[in-house]
């Protein structure tokens, strides 16, 4: 299974239960952080239906730590983080204030 290109979700959920680790969280973090910028700006599908918008409370402590670490290490500026990941400006500054210690 380790060398396979993909795993069925039923198999993956069994591994999650066996190892008591949420592998789906890794995938969802990847989707949140690395989704293409064009998908962030879209809010309507072709048929006019509204698509769900992510809310700020979806950011886990791991994502917040990852983003703040990039800013602290100088890998990205605050502006780049705001532009690349679509995080609201007030949310980013609240994170910096709250987790700067």
N, C-alpha and C. Protein backbone atom coordinates (compact mmCIF):
# COMPACT_ATOMS: atom_id res chain seq x y z
N UNK A 1 0.82 -1.19 0.00
CA UNK A 1 0.00 0.00 0.00
C UNK A 1 0.87 1.26 0.00
N UNK A 2 2.02 1.20 0.63
CA UNK A 2 2.89 2.37 0.72
C UNK A 2 3.38 2.82 -0.65
N UNK A 3 3.61 1.90 -1.55
CA UNK A 3 4.12 2.25 -2.87
C UNK A 3 3.02 2.60 -3.87
N UNK A 4 1.77 2.40 -3.50
CA UNK A 4 0.67 2.72 -4.40
C UNK A 4 0.55 4.23 -4.61
N UNK A 5 0.09 4.61 -5.79
CA UNK A 5 -0.09 6.02 -6.11
C UNK A 5 -1.27 6.61 -5.34
N UNK A 6 -2.30 5.81 -5.09
CA UNK A 6 -3.47 6.29 -4.35
C UNK A 6 -4.05 5.13 -3.55
N UNK A 7 -4.86 5.52 -2.54
CA UNK A 7 -5.55 4.54 -1.71
C UNK A 7 -7.04 4.86 -1.71
N UNK A 8 -7.83 3.83 -1.64
CA UNK A 8 -9.26 4.00 -1.51
C UNK A 8 -9.55 4.63 -0.14
N UNK A 9 -10.54 5.49 -0.07
CA UNK A 9 -10.84 6.17 1.20
C UNK A 9 -11.24 5.19 2.29
N UNK A 10 -11.86 4.09 1.91
CA UNK A 10 -12.23 3.09 2.91
C UNK A 10 -10.98 2.48 3.56
N UNK A 11 -9.94 2.24 2.76
CA UNK A 11 -8.68 1.72 3.29
C UNK A 11 -8.01 2.77 4.17
N UNK A 12 -8.03 4.01 3.71
CA UNK A 12 -7.40 5.08 4.46
C UNK A 12 -8.09 5.31 5.80
N UNK A 13 -9.39 5.23 5.84
CA UNK A 13 -10.10 5.41 7.12
C UNK A 13 -9.76 4.29 8.09
N UNK A 14 -9.54 3.10 7.57
CA UNK A 14 -9.13 1.99 8.44
C UNK A 14 -7.75 2.25 9.03
N UNK A 15 -6.84 2.76 8.21
CA UNK A 15 -5.51 3.11 8.71
C UNK A 15 -5.60 4.23 9.75
N UNK A 16 -6.47 5.19 9.52
CA UNK A 16 -6.67 6.28 10.48
C UNK A 16 -7.11 5.72 11.83
N UNK A 17 -8.05 4.82 11.80
CA UNK A 17 -8.54 4.23 13.05
C UNK A 17 -7.48 3.37 13.72
N UNK A 18 -6.77 2.58 12.93
CA UNK A 18 -5.74 1.70 13.48
C UNK A 18 -4.60 2.48 14.12
N UNK A 19 -4.13 3.52 13.42
CA UNK A 19 -2.99 4.30 13.91
C UNK A 19 -3.40 5.49 14.78
N UNK A 20 -4.71 5.70 14.90
CA UNK A 20 -5.25 6.83 15.66
C UNK A 20 -4.64 8.14 15.18
N UNK A 21 -4.64 8.32 13.85
CA UNK A 21 -4.11 9.53 13.23
C UNK A 21 -5.01 9.91 12.06
N UNK A 22 -5.31 11.20 11.95
CA UNK A 22 -6.22 11.69 10.92
C UNK A 22 -5.45 12.05 9.65
N UNK A 23 -5.32 11.11 8.73
CA UNK A 23 -4.63 11.38 7.46
C UNK A 23 -5.45 12.29 6.56
N UNK A 24 -6.75 12.35 6.76
CA UNK A 24 -7.60 13.23 5.97
C UNK A 24 -7.30 14.70 6.27
N UNK A 25 -6.84 14.99 7.48
CA UNK A 25 -6.50 16.36 7.83
C UNK A 25 -5.33 16.86 6.99
N UNK A 26 -4.38 16.00 6.70
CA UNK A 26 -3.26 16.37 5.85
C UNK A 26 -3.77 16.79 4.48
N UNK A 27 -4.68 16.01 3.94
CA UNK A 27 -5.25 16.33 2.63
C UNK A 27 -6.02 17.65 2.67
N UNK A 28 -6.86 17.82 3.68
CA UNK A 28 -7.65 19.06 3.75
C UNK A 28 -6.76 20.28 3.93
N UNK A 29 -5.67 20.15 4.69
CA UNK A 29 -4.72 21.26 4.83
C UNK A 29 -4.09 21.59 3.48
N UNK A 30 -3.76 20.56 2.74
CA UNK A 30 -3.18 20.78 1.42
C UNK A 30 -4.16 21.51 0.50
N UNK A 31 -5.41 21.11 0.53
CA UNK A 31 -6.42 21.75 -0.30
C UNK A 31 -6.59 23.21 0.08
N UNK A 32 -6.62 23.50 1.37
CA UNK A 32 -6.79 24.88 1.84
C UNK A 32 -5.60 25.74 1.44
N UNK A 33 -4.40 25.24 1.66
CA UNK A 33 -3.20 26.05 1.43
C UNK A 33 -2.79 26.17 -0.02
N UNK A 34 -3.02 25.14 -0.80
CA UNK A 34 -2.46 25.12 -2.15
C UNK A 34 -3.51 25.10 -3.25
N UNK A 35 -4.73 25.51 -2.95
CA UNK A 35 -5.73 25.59 -4.01
C UNK A 35 -5.37 26.73 -4.94
N UNK A 36 -5.66 26.61 -6.22
CA UNK A 36 -5.29 27.67 -7.16
C UNK A 36 -6.03 28.96 -6.85
N UNK A 37 -5.39 30.11 -7.06
CA UNK A 37 -6.02 31.40 -6.74
C UNK A 37 -7.36 31.61 -7.45
N UNK A 38 -7.53 31.07 -8.65
CA UNK A 38 -8.78 31.27 -9.37
C UNK A 38 -9.95 30.64 -8.65
N UNK A 39 -9.74 29.52 -7.95
CA UNK A 39 -10.85 28.87 -7.25
C UNK A 39 -11.25 29.64 -6.00
N UNK A 40 -10.35 30.43 -5.44
CA UNK A 40 -10.66 31.21 -4.25
C UNK A 40 -11.62 32.34 -4.61
N UNK A 41 -11.41 32.95 -5.78
CA UNK A 41 -12.21 34.12 -6.14
C UNK A 41 -13.60 33.75 -6.67
N UNK A 42 -13.78 32.52 -7.10
CA UNK A 42 -15.08 32.12 -7.64
C UNK A 42 -16.06 31.82 -6.50
N UNK A 43 -17.28 32.29 -6.65
CA UNK A 43 -18.28 31.94 -5.66
C UNK A 43 -19.58 31.45 -6.30
N UNK A 44 -19.60 31.39 -7.62
CA UNK A 44 -20.77 30.86 -8.32
C UNK A 44 -20.32 29.81 -9.32
N UNK A 45 -21.11 28.78 -9.43
CA UNK A 45 -20.82 27.77 -10.45
C UNK A 45 -21.47 28.21 -11.76
N UNK A 46 -21.26 27.45 -12.80
CA UNK A 46 -21.79 27.81 -14.11
C UNK A 46 -23.30 27.89 -14.15
N UNK A 47 -23.99 27.15 -13.28
CA UNK A 47 -25.45 27.18 -13.29
C UNK A 47 -26.03 28.25 -12.36
N UNK A 48 -25.19 29.10 -11.80
CA UNK A 48 -25.66 30.21 -10.97
C UNK A 48 -25.81 29.87 -9.50
N UNK A 49 -25.56 28.61 -9.12
CA UNK A 49 -25.69 28.22 -7.71
C UNK A 49 -24.48 28.72 -6.92
N UNK A 50 -24.70 29.13 -5.71
CA UNK A 50 -23.61 29.58 -4.87
C UNK A 50 -22.83 28.39 -4.33
N UNK A 51 -21.52 28.50 -4.34
CA UNK A 51 -20.68 27.48 -3.77
C UNK A 51 -20.39 27.85 -2.32
N UNK A 52 -20.12 26.88 -1.46
CA UNK A 52 -19.83 27.20 -0.06
C UNK A 52 -18.52 27.98 0.05
N UNK A 53 -18.49 28.93 0.97
CA UNK A 53 -17.30 29.71 1.24
C UNK A 53 -16.68 29.20 2.53
N UNK A 54 -15.35 29.13 2.55
CA UNK A 54 -14.68 28.70 3.77
C UNK A 54 -14.78 29.78 4.83
N UNK A 55 -14.86 29.38 6.06
CA UNK A 55 -14.92 30.31 7.17
C UNK A 55 -13.59 30.31 7.88
N UNK A 56 -13.30 31.37 8.60
CA UNK A 56 -12.00 31.51 9.22
C UNK A 56 -11.72 30.46 10.29
N UNK A 57 -12.73 29.86 10.87
CA UNK A 57 -12.49 28.89 11.92
C UNK A 57 -12.04 27.53 11.39
N UNK A 58 -11.83 27.41 10.10
CA UNK A 58 -11.33 26.14 9.56
C UNK A 58 -9.83 26.02 9.72
N UNK A 59 -9.15 27.11 10.06
CA UNK A 59 -7.70 27.07 10.18
C UNK A 59 -7.32 26.39 11.49
N UNK A 60 -6.59 25.29 11.38
CA UNK A 60 -6.15 24.58 12.57
C UNK A 60 -4.90 25.25 13.12
N UNK A 61 -4.50 24.84 14.31
CA UNK A 61 -3.28 25.40 14.91
C UNK A 61 -2.06 25.09 14.07
N UNK A 62 -2.07 23.94 13.39
CA UNK A 62 -0.93 23.58 12.54
C UNK A 62 -0.81 24.53 11.35
N UNK A 63 -1.93 24.88 10.74
CA UNK A 63 -1.91 25.81 9.61
C UNK A 63 -1.47 27.19 10.06
N UNK A 64 -2.00 27.64 11.20
CA UNK A 64 -1.62 28.95 11.73
C UNK A 64 -0.12 28.99 12.03
N UNK A 65 0.38 27.94 12.66
CA UNK A 65 1.82 27.87 12.97
C UNK A 65 2.65 27.88 11.70
N UNK A 66 2.22 27.14 10.68
CA UNK A 66 2.94 27.08 9.41
C UNK A 66 3.01 28.46 8.76
N UNK A 67 1.89 29.16 8.74
CA UNK A 67 1.85 30.48 8.11
C UNK A 67 2.68 31.49 8.89
N UNK A 68 2.54 31.49 10.21
CA UNK A 68 3.32 32.42 11.03
C UNK A 68 4.82 32.13 10.95
N UNK A 69 5.17 30.86 10.84
CA UNK A 69 6.58 30.50 10.70
C UNK A 69 7.16 31.04 9.40
N UNK A 70 6.39 31.01 8.33
CA UNK A 70 6.85 31.57 7.06
C UNK A 70 7.10 33.07 7.18
N UNK A 71 6.23 33.76 7.90
CA UNK A 71 6.40 35.21 8.08
C UNK A 71 7.62 35.49 8.95
N UNK A 72 7.76 34.76 10.05
CA UNK A 72 8.88 34.98 10.98
C UNK A 72 10.21 34.67 10.30
N UNK A 73 10.27 33.60 9.51
CA UNK A 73 11.52 33.22 8.83
C UNK A 73 11.82 34.08 7.61
N UNK A 74 10.89 34.94 7.23
CA UNK A 74 11.10 35.81 6.09
C UNK A 74 10.88 35.14 4.75
N UNK A 75 10.27 33.94 4.75
CA UNK A 75 9.99 33.26 3.49
C UNK A 75 8.92 34.01 2.69
N UNK A 76 7.95 34.58 3.41
CA UNK A 76 6.88 35.36 2.78
C UNK A 76 6.59 36.58 3.63
N UNK A 77 6.15 37.63 2.97
CA UNK A 77 5.71 38.81 3.69
C UNK A 77 4.24 38.63 4.06
N UNK A 78 3.75 39.51 4.92
CA UNK A 78 2.34 39.45 5.30
C UNK A 78 1.46 39.62 4.07
N UNK A 79 1.85 40.52 3.19
CA UNK A 79 1.08 40.78 1.97
C UNK A 79 1.04 39.53 1.09
N UNK A 80 2.18 38.86 0.95
CA UNK A 80 2.21 37.64 0.14
C UNK A 80 1.31 36.56 0.72
N UNK A 81 1.32 36.41 2.04
CA UNK A 81 0.45 35.42 2.69
C UNK A 81 -1.01 35.75 2.44
N UNK A 82 -1.36 37.02 2.58
CA UNK A 82 -2.75 37.44 2.34
C UNK A 82 -3.17 37.15 0.91
N UNK A 83 -2.29 37.45 -0.04
CA UNK A 83 -2.60 37.24 -1.46
C UNK A 83 -2.62 35.76 -1.84
N UNK A 84 -1.63 35.01 -1.37
CA UNK A 84 -1.50 33.60 -1.77
C UNK A 84 -2.58 32.70 -1.17
N UNK A 85 -2.91 32.92 0.10
CA UNK A 85 -3.82 32.01 0.79
C UNK A 85 -5.22 32.57 1.01
N UNK A 86 -5.44 33.84 0.67
CA UNK A 86 -6.78 34.41 0.79
C UNK A 86 -7.26 34.56 2.22
N UNK A 87 -6.34 34.70 3.14
CA UNK A 87 -6.70 34.88 4.55
C UNK A 87 -7.08 36.34 4.76
N UNK A 88 -8.15 36.62 5.46
CA UNK A 88 -8.51 38.02 5.73
C UNK A 88 -7.41 38.72 6.54
N UNK A 89 -7.19 39.98 6.23
CA UNK A 89 -6.13 40.76 6.87
C UNK A 89 -6.30 40.80 8.39
N UNK A 90 -7.52 41.03 8.85
CA UNK A 90 -7.74 41.10 10.29
C UNK A 90 -7.44 39.77 10.97
N UNK A 91 -7.76 38.68 10.30
CA UNK A 91 -7.49 37.35 10.85
C UNK A 91 -5.99 37.14 11.01
N UNK A 92 -5.21 37.49 9.99
CA UNK A 92 -3.76 37.32 10.06
C UNK A 92 -3.17 38.15 11.19
N UNK A 93 -3.59 39.38 11.32
CA UNK A 93 -3.05 40.23 12.38
C UNK A 93 -3.47 39.77 13.77
N UNK A 94 -4.67 39.18 13.89
CA UNK A 94 -5.08 38.61 15.18
C UNK A 94 -4.21 37.41 15.52
N UNK A 95 -3.88 36.59 14.52
CA UNK A 95 -2.99 35.44 14.75
C UNK A 95 -1.63 35.92 15.23
N UNK A 96 -1.09 36.94 14.56
CA UNK A 96 0.23 37.45 14.93
C UNK A 96 0.22 37.96 16.36
N UNK A 97 -0.84 38.67 16.72
CA UNK A 97 -0.95 39.20 18.08
C UNK A 97 -1.11 38.07 19.10
N UNK A 98 -1.94 37.10 18.79
CA UNK A 98 -2.26 36.03 19.73
C UNK A 98 -1.13 35.02 19.89
N UNK A 99 -0.48 34.67 18.78
CA UNK A 99 0.52 33.58 18.82
C UNK A 99 1.96 34.08 18.73
N UNK A 100 2.20 35.35 18.90
CA UNK A 100 3.56 35.88 18.74
C UNK A 100 4.50 35.49 19.87
N UNK A 101 3.96 35.02 20.98
CA UNK A 101 4.83 34.64 22.12
C UNK A 101 5.51 33.36 21.85
